[in-house]
């Protein structure tokens, strides 16, 4: 089974940018829709961004407002989340997730559909 490991995270200041990477353990991730989720302190998990199998379709949570960008590299088996203009409200543990998907164009926004999760990486944004 595919395993996911998030790389990146840490402490930044408001207005800074950061890129998170999710490394998959094997090439079977090619058949998975991928996504990023986050859990802010005291809040439930929320959808950040999702990407279809070939990367042609993407979707974002409403709060993103054009600040974040998701991408994937099928050769490297990686998933990325570029975050710009970070705000203190973006402080959270960020998780990448994978879901086997037959519809190559589908972006999956429902966290309950994802079956594989990384361990999470903490992002702290100070004002």
Foldseek 3Di string as FASTA:
>chain_A
DKAKAKDWADEDAAQAKTKIKIAIDDLVLLQKKKFKWWADVPGDIFGAKTAFSVRPDMDGDPVQVPQWDWGADSVRRMIMIIGGRDDQVPWTWMKMFIARDPPRGDTDGDPVRTDYIHPTHTHGYHD
